Amino acid sequence: MGAVEGIVLGFVTVAAVIAVGALSAHLGVLGAEAQAVLARTAFFIGSPALLMTTVADADVGDVISGGLVATAAGVAVAAVLYVVAARWVWRRRGADLVVGALCSSYVNAGNLGLPIAAYVLGDAAYVAPTLLLQLLVLQPLALGLLEGGAPGRSSSLGAVLGRALSNPITVGTLLGLLMSVTGWRLPEIVAAPVGLVADLAVPAMLLAYGVALRLGPRLGGQDPAAEVTVVVALKVVVQPVVVWVAATALGLDGATVLAVTVCSALPTAQNVFVIATRYGRRPSLARDTVLLSTVASTASIAGVVALLG
């Protein structure tokens, strides 16, 4: 399968499941309460199992590389630029900044990154640095900060770390990391049901997102158009440019430069919408960003492949 076919396959697969969710909502099969249930199911049940199995099968050694440094630079620059702009232009605070920063920098490394890495780059392992950086650093930190935004919650560093480490998604990730490092695997009698539960995570996310698209406020109805535009531009333009500059400056080989740049050009992950919904913090921004960045990233990824491939 060629690069173009790989890009098309990844995006069409995701779009089809989202469309099923939207159609189900339109026909009255699923309502707003179903969207909340699907989001909670993905967050508390499916995603922890999926992340455990995904990280367990990953080579953690792939993360300790120049590609990790370039990837981290892209994440940091996109997130910081959003925080600065949102803090001073739109007066965002606390958890709202966290969700916006995730929208600007957290890529869809799972259900889009893996197939695109396999079909466009020729090796799914290329997405490992991006995937593990997000799962082991960015996501636990963001979840800890979001938990800290709840009334009566301490915002001290120790409290944030404690909440992050007790979050079901983080727990699943850490268990997977332990399995990857030690080489230990679940007994088949346990692995089979865990794998079955893990398989529901991505469909549940996408169906919940489709329902939200159909039943939620119209696109752009709750957020300033300028802010949404900035977030999407940071995600699909600024982040990959920063990663490309960093990777080139580090003297990485051409294949690695292409890989980390393509991965950083991926759209905002659907689980950012799930997280925003779970904590009731700007789900409309996450929904709009996922949709618009997914559309825009097709051109961004194709441009990267044409220029660097």
Protein backbone atom coordinates (compact mmCIF):
# COMPACT_ATOMS: atom_id res chain seq x y z
CA MET A 1 0.00 0.00 0.00
CA GLY A 2 1.37 3.41 -0.99
CA ALA A 3 1.68 6.59 1.05
CA VAL A 4 -1.45 8.19 -0.38
CA GLU A 5 -3.51 5.05 0.20
CA GLY A 6 -2.23 4.87 3.78
CA ILE A 7 -3.28 8.44 4.52
CA VAL A 8 -6.70 7.87 2.96
CA LEU A 9 -7.27 4.58 4.80
CA GLY A 10 -6.47 6.07 8.21
CA PHE A 11 -8.72 9.10 7.79
CA VAL A 12 -11.62 7.29 6.11
CA THR A 13 -11.74 4.64 8.85
CA VAL A 14 -12.02 7.27 11.57
CA ALA A 15 -14.51 9.38 9.62
CA ALA A 16 -16.76 6.38 8.96
CA VAL A 17 -17.15 5.49 12.65
CA ILE A 18 -17.76 9.15 13.58
CA ALA A 19 -20.43 9.26 10.87
CA VAL A 20 -22.12 6.20 12.39
CA GLY A 21 -22.30 8.01 15.73
CA ALA A 22 -23.72 11.16 14.12
CA LEU A 23 -26.29 9.15 12.12
CA SER A 24 -27.32 7.21 15.24
CA ALA A 25 -27.93 10.48 17.05
CA HIS A 26 -29.85 11.90 14.08
CA LEU A 27 -32.13 8.85 14.00
CA GLY A 28 -32.68 8.95 17.74
CA VAL A 29 -30.87 5.67 18.43
CA LEU A 30 -28.33 7.46 20.65
CA GLY A 31 -29.03 10.60 22.65
CA ALA A 32 -27.01 13.04 24.73
CA GLU A 33 -27.03 10.64 27.67
CA ALA A 34 -25.53 7.93 25.44
CA GLN A 35 -22.73 10.29 24.44
CA ALA A 36 -21.84 10.82 28.11
CA VAL A 37 -21.97 7.07 28.80
CA LEU A 38 -19.76 6.30 25.79
CA ALA A 39 -17.25 8.95 26.86
CA ARG A 40 -17.12 7.60 30.43
CA THR A 41 -16.81 4.04 29.14
CA ALA A 42 -13.87 5.04 26.96
CA PHE A 43 -12.22 7.02 29.75
CA PHE A 44 -12.63 4.61 32.68
CA ILE A 45 -12.76 1.18 31.02
CA GLY A 46 -11.62 0.97 27.41
CA SER A 47 -8.72 3.44 27.36
CA PRO A 48 -6.86 2.07 30.42
CA ALA A 49 -6.96 -1.43 28.91
CA LEU A 50 -5.95 -0.16 25.46
CA LEU A 51 -3.06 1.89 26.78
CA MET A 52 -1.80 -0.98 28.90
CA THR A 53 -1.72 -3.36 25.94
CA THR A 54 -0.30 -0.74 23.55
CA VAL A 55 2.56 0.34 25.81
CA ALA A 56 3.30 -3.26 26.81
CA ASP A 57 3.97 -4.10 23.15
CA ALA A 58 6.05 -0.96 22.48
CA ASP A 59 9.84 -0.81 22.66
CA VAL A 60 10.48 1.83 25.31
CA GLY A 61 14.03 2.09 24.03
CA ASP A 62 12.66 3.73 20.88
CA VAL A 63 11.72 6.75 22.98
CA ILE A 64 15.28 7.47 24.09
CA SER A 65 16.34 9.07 20.84
CA GLY A 66 16.86 12.37 19.06
CA GLY A 67 13.36 11.95 17.67
CA LEU A 68 12.01 12.26 21.19
CA VAL A 69 13.77 15.59 21.69
CA ALA A 70 12.38 16.98 18.43
CA THR A 71 8.89 15.68 19.24
CA ALA A 72 9.00 17.20 22.73
CA ALA A 73 10.10 20.54 21.28
CA GLY A 74 7.05 20.63 19.01
CA VAL A 75 4.69 19.79 21.86
CA ALA A 76 6.24 22.37 24.18
CA VAL A 77 6.24 25.23 21.65
CA ALA A 78 2.64 24.63 20.50
CA ALA A 79 1.34 24.32 24.08
CA VAL A 80 3.23 27.35 25.38
CA LEU A 81 2.18 29.55 22.46
CA TYR A 82 -1.45 28.64 23.09
CA VAL A 83 -1.19 29.32 26.82
CA VAL A 84 0.40 32.72 26.23
CA ALA A 85 -2.17 33.74 23.60
CA ALA A 86 -5.19 32.37 25.49
CA ARG A 87 -4.07 33.83 28.80
CA TRP A 88 -3.66 37.37 27.52
CA VAL A 89 -6.06 37.59 24.56
CA TRP A 90 -9.04 35.48 25.67
CA ARG A 91 -8.38 35.57 29.44
CA ARG A 92 -8.46 31.81 29.87
CA ARG A 93 -7.50 30.36 33.23
CA GLY A 94 -6.69 27.06 34.93
CA ALA A 95 -8.29 23.95 33.47
CA ASP A 96 -9.46 25.85 30.37
CA LEU A 97 -5.82 26.50 29.52
CA VAL A 98 -4.98 22.82 30.04
CA VAL A 99 -7.66 21.65 27.59
CA GLY A 100 -6.65 24.28 25.04
CA ALA A 101 -3.00 23.29 25.32
CA LEU A 102 -3.94 19.64 24.75
CA CYS A 103 -5.98 20.63 21.69
CA SER A 104 -2.94 22.49 20.34
CA SER A 105 -0.32 19.78 20.90
CA TYR A 106 -1.74 16.30 21.65
CA VAL A 107 -1.68 14.30 18.42
CA ASN A 108 -3.81 11.36 17.34
CA ALA A 109 -0.92 8.91 17.62
CA GLY A 110 -3.13 5.87 18.26
CA ASN A 111 -5.97 5.21 15.85
CA LEU A 112 -4.53 7.51 13.14
CA GLY A 113 -0.81 7.55 13.94
CA LEU A 114 -0.31 3.79 13.95
CA PRO A 115 -1.86 3.07 10.52
CA ILE A 116 -0.31 6.16 8.94
CA ALA A 117 3.12 5.28 10.34
CA ALA A 118 2.72 1.76 9.00
CA TYR A 119 1.45 2.68 5.54
CA VAL A 120 3.06 6.07 4.90
CA LEU A 121 6.38 5.62 6.73
CA GLY A 122 6.66 1.87 6.33
CA ASP A 123 7.03 1.05 10.04
CA ALA A 124 4.49 1.51 12.85
CA ALA A 125 7.39 1.79 15.32
CA TYR A 126 8.05 5.33 14.10
CA VAL A 127 5.08 6.56 16.12
CA ALA A 128 6.44 5.09 19.39
CA PRO A 129 8.31 8.23 20.60
CA THR A 130 5.22 10.41 20.09
CA LEU A 131 2.87 7.85 21.59
CA LEU A 132 4.90 7.16 24.72
CA LEU A 133 5.83 10.81 25.32
CA GLN A 134 2.13 11.63 25.40
CA LEU A 135 1.08 8.63 27.46
CA LEU A 136 3.87 8.78 30.03
CA VAL A 137 4.39 12.55 30.38
CA LEU A 138 1.86 14.85 28.75
CA GLN A 139 -1.35 13.00 29.58
CA PRO A 140 -0.60 12.24 33.27
CA LEU A 141 0.44 15.86 33.81
CA ALA A 142 -2.68 17.23 32.12
CA LEU A 143 -4.99 14.87 34.02
CA GLY A 144 -3.38 15.81 37.31
CA LEU A 145 -3.89 19.50 36.57
CA LEU A 146 -7.51 18.94 35.53
CA GLU A 147 -8.22 16.99 38.70
CA GLY A 148 -6.63 19.83 40.66
CA GLY A 149 -9.09 22.27 39.12
CA ALA A 150 -12.00 20.63 40.93
CA PRO A 151 -13.36 22.48 43.99
CA GLY A 152 -11.55 21.60 47.18
CA ARG A 153 -8.63 19.93 45.42
CA SER A 154 -5.08 20.88 46.32
CA SER A 155 -2.92 22.25 43.47
CA SER A 156 0.45 21.45 45.08
CA LEU A 157 2.98 19.51 43.00
CA GLY A 158 2.66 16.46 45.23
CA ALA A 159 -1.12 16.49 45.00
CA VAL A 160 -1.03 16.89 41.20
CA LEU A 161 1.39 13.97 40.84
CA GLY A 162 -0.68 11.84 43.21
CA ARG A 163 -3.87 12.45 41.26
CA ALA A 164 -2.12 11.81 37.95
CA LEU A 165 -0.70 8.51 39.17
CA SER A 166 -4.10 7.35 40.47
CA ASN A 167 -6.00 8.21 37.27
CA PRO A 168 -7.24 5.03 35.50
CA ILE A 169 -5.69 6.04 32.17
CA THR A 170 -2.33 6.73 33.81
CA VAL A 171 -2.52 3.50 35.80
CA GLY A 172 -3.10 1.53 32.60
CA THR A 173 -0.16 3.27 30.94
CA LEU A 174 2.18 2.60 33.86
CA LEU A 175 1.17 -1.06 34.00
CA GLY A 176 1.94 -1.32 30.30
CA LEU A 177 5.31 0.34 30.85
CA LEU A 178 6.13 -2.15 33.61
CA MET A 179 5.23 -5.02 31.30
CA SER A 180 7.34 -3.56 28.47
CA VAL A 181 10.39 -3.13 30.68
CA THR A 182 10.15 -6.54 32.39
CA GLY A 183 8.91 -8.54 29.42
CA TRP A 184 6.15 -10.04 31.56
CA ARG A 185 2.78 -10.65 29.93
CA LEU A 186 -0.69 -11.31 31.27
CA PRO A 187 -1.79 -14.95 31.32
CA GLU A 188 -3.95 -15.72 28.30
CA ILE A 189 -7.02 -16.24 30.47
CA VAL A 190 -6.64 -12.61 31.64
CA ALA A 191 -5.22 -11.11 28.43
CA ALA A 192 -8.18 -12.23 26.30
CA PRO A 193 -10.89 -10.30 28.19
CA VAL A 194 -8.55 -7.32 28.68
CA GLY A 195 -7.94 -7.24 24.94
CA LEU A 196 -11.67 -7.40 24.27
CA VAL A 197 -12.26 -4.45 26.58
CA ALA A 198 -9.36 -2.56 24.98
CA ASP A 199 -10.96 -2.99 21.56
CA LEU A 200 -13.98 -0.90 22.59
CA ALA A 201 -11.94 2.21 23.49
CA VAL A 202 -11.47 3.79 20.07
CA PRO A 203 -14.97 2.95 18.73
CA ALA A 204 -16.53 4.34 21.91
CA MET A 205 -14.50 7.57 21.56
CA LEU A 206 -15.45 8.00 17.92
CA LEU A 207 -19.13 7.20 18.42
CA ALA A 208 -19.31 9.65 21.35
CA TYR A 209 -17.67 12.27 19.17
CA GLY A 210 -20.13 11.66 16.34
CA VAL A 211 -23.08 12.04 18.71
CA ALA A 212 -21.61 15.30 20.03
CA LEU A 213 -21.21 16.64 16.49
CA ARG A 214 -24.89 16.00 15.76
CA LEU A 215 -26.47 17.02 19.06
CA GLY A 216 -24.04 19.58 20.43
CA PRO A 217 -23.91 23.31 19.65
CA ARG A 218 -23.16 24.17 16.05
CA LEU A 219 -19.53 24.27 14.96
CA GLY A 220 -17.87 27.31 16.48
CA GLY A 221 -21.00 28.22 18.39
CA GLN A 222 -19.39 28.43 21.83
CA ASP A 223 -15.80 29.49 21.14
CA PRO A 224 -14.29 32.52 19.41
CA ALA A 225 -13.48 31.67 15.79
CA ALA A 226 -10.07 33.30 16.19
CA GLU A 227 -9.19 31.04 19.11
CA VAL A 228 -10.25 27.87 17.28
CA THR A 229 -8.25 28.99 14.24
CA VAL A 230 -5.15 29.60 16.36
CA VAL A 231 -5.45 26.18 18.00
CA VAL A 232 -5.81 24.38 14.66
CA ALA A 233 -2.90 26.34 13.15
CA LEU A 234 -0.68 25.51 16.12
CA LYS A 235 -1.56 21.84 15.78
CA VAL A 236 -1.16 21.20 12.05
CA VAL A 237 1.28 23.94 11.01
CA VAL A 238 3.39 25.27 13.88
CA GLN A 239 3.98 21.96 15.67
CA PRO A 240 5.29 20.05 12.61
CA VAL A 241 7.44 23.02 11.53
CA VAL A 242 9.06 23.21 14.97
CA VAL A 243 9.65 19.45 14.98
CA TRP A 244 11.20 19.57 11.50
CA VAL A 245 13.52 22.43 12.50
CA ALA A 246 14.53 20.66 15.72
CA ALA A 247 15.09 17.31 14.02
CA THR A 248 17.17 18.91 11.28
CA ALA A 249 19.22 20.89 13.80
CA LEU A 250 19.91 17.67 15.73
CA GLY A 251 21.32 16.11 12.57
CA LEU A 252 18.84 13.22 12.46
CA ASP A 253 18.76 11.05 9.34
CA GLY A 254 16.21 11.79 6.64
CA ALA A 255 13.89 8.91 7.50
CA THR A 256 13.68 9.97 11.15
CA VAL A 257 13.12 13.63 10.24
CA LEU A 258 10.26 12.61 7.96
CA ALA A 259 8.77 10.28 10.58
CA VAL A 260 8.72 12.69 13.51
CA THR A 261 7.46 15.54 11.30
CA VAL A 262 4.60 13.43 9.90
CA CYS A 263 3.64 12.26 13.39
CA SER A 264 3.57 15.84 14.70
CA ALA A 265 1.31 16.88 11.80
CA LEU A 266 -1.37 14.42 12.91
CA PRO A 267 -4.63 16.03 14.10
CA THR A 268 -5.76 16.51 17.69
CA ALA A 269 -6.61 13.16 19.29
CA GLN A 270 -10.22 12.19 19.95
CA ASN A 271 -9.36 11.33 23.54
CA VAL A 272 -8.78 15.04 24.16
CA PHE A 273 -12.51 15.44 23.53
CA VAL A 274 -13.21 12.53 25.90
CA ILE A 275 -11.04 14.15 28.59
CA ALA A 276 -12.66 17.56 28.08
CA THR A 277 -16.11 15.97 28.34
CA ARG A 278 -15.14 13.98 31.43
CA TYR A 279 -14.05 17.12 33.30
CA GLY A 280 -16.65 19.46 31.78
CA ARG A 281 -13.97 21.84 30.52
CA ARG A 282 -14.42 23.28 27.04
CA PRO A 283 -15.68 20.15 25.25
CA SER A 284 -16.88 22.31 22.35
CA LEU A 285 -13.34 23.58 21.73
CA ALA A 286 -12.03 20.01 21.78
CA ARG A 287 -14.82 18.83 19.47
CA ASP A 288 -14.28 21.63 16.94
CA THR A 289 -10.50 21.27 17.04
CA VAL A 290 -10.61 17.51 16.48
CA LEU A 291 -12.87 17.97 13.45
CA LEU A 292 -11.08 20.91 11.85
CA SER A 293 -7.55 19.65 12.55
CA THR A 294 -8.46 16.25 11.11
CA VAL A 295 -9.56 17.90 7.87
CA ALA A 296 -6.58 20.28 7.77
CA SER A 297 -4.00 17.64 8.65
CA THR A 298 -4.66 15.70 5.46
CA ALA A 299 -3.10 18.59 3.54
CA SER A 300 -0.40 19.07 6.18
CA ILE A 301 0.71 15.42 6.11
CA ALA A 302 0.56 15.26 2.33
CA GLY A 303 2.73 18.41 2.16
CA VAL A 304 5.28 16.95 4.59
CA VAL A 305 5.51 13.72 2.59
CA ALA A 306 5.85 15.63 -0.70
CA LEU A 307 8.63 17.89 0.68
CA LEU A 308 10.58 15.41 2.78
CA GLY A 309 9.65 12.01 1.40
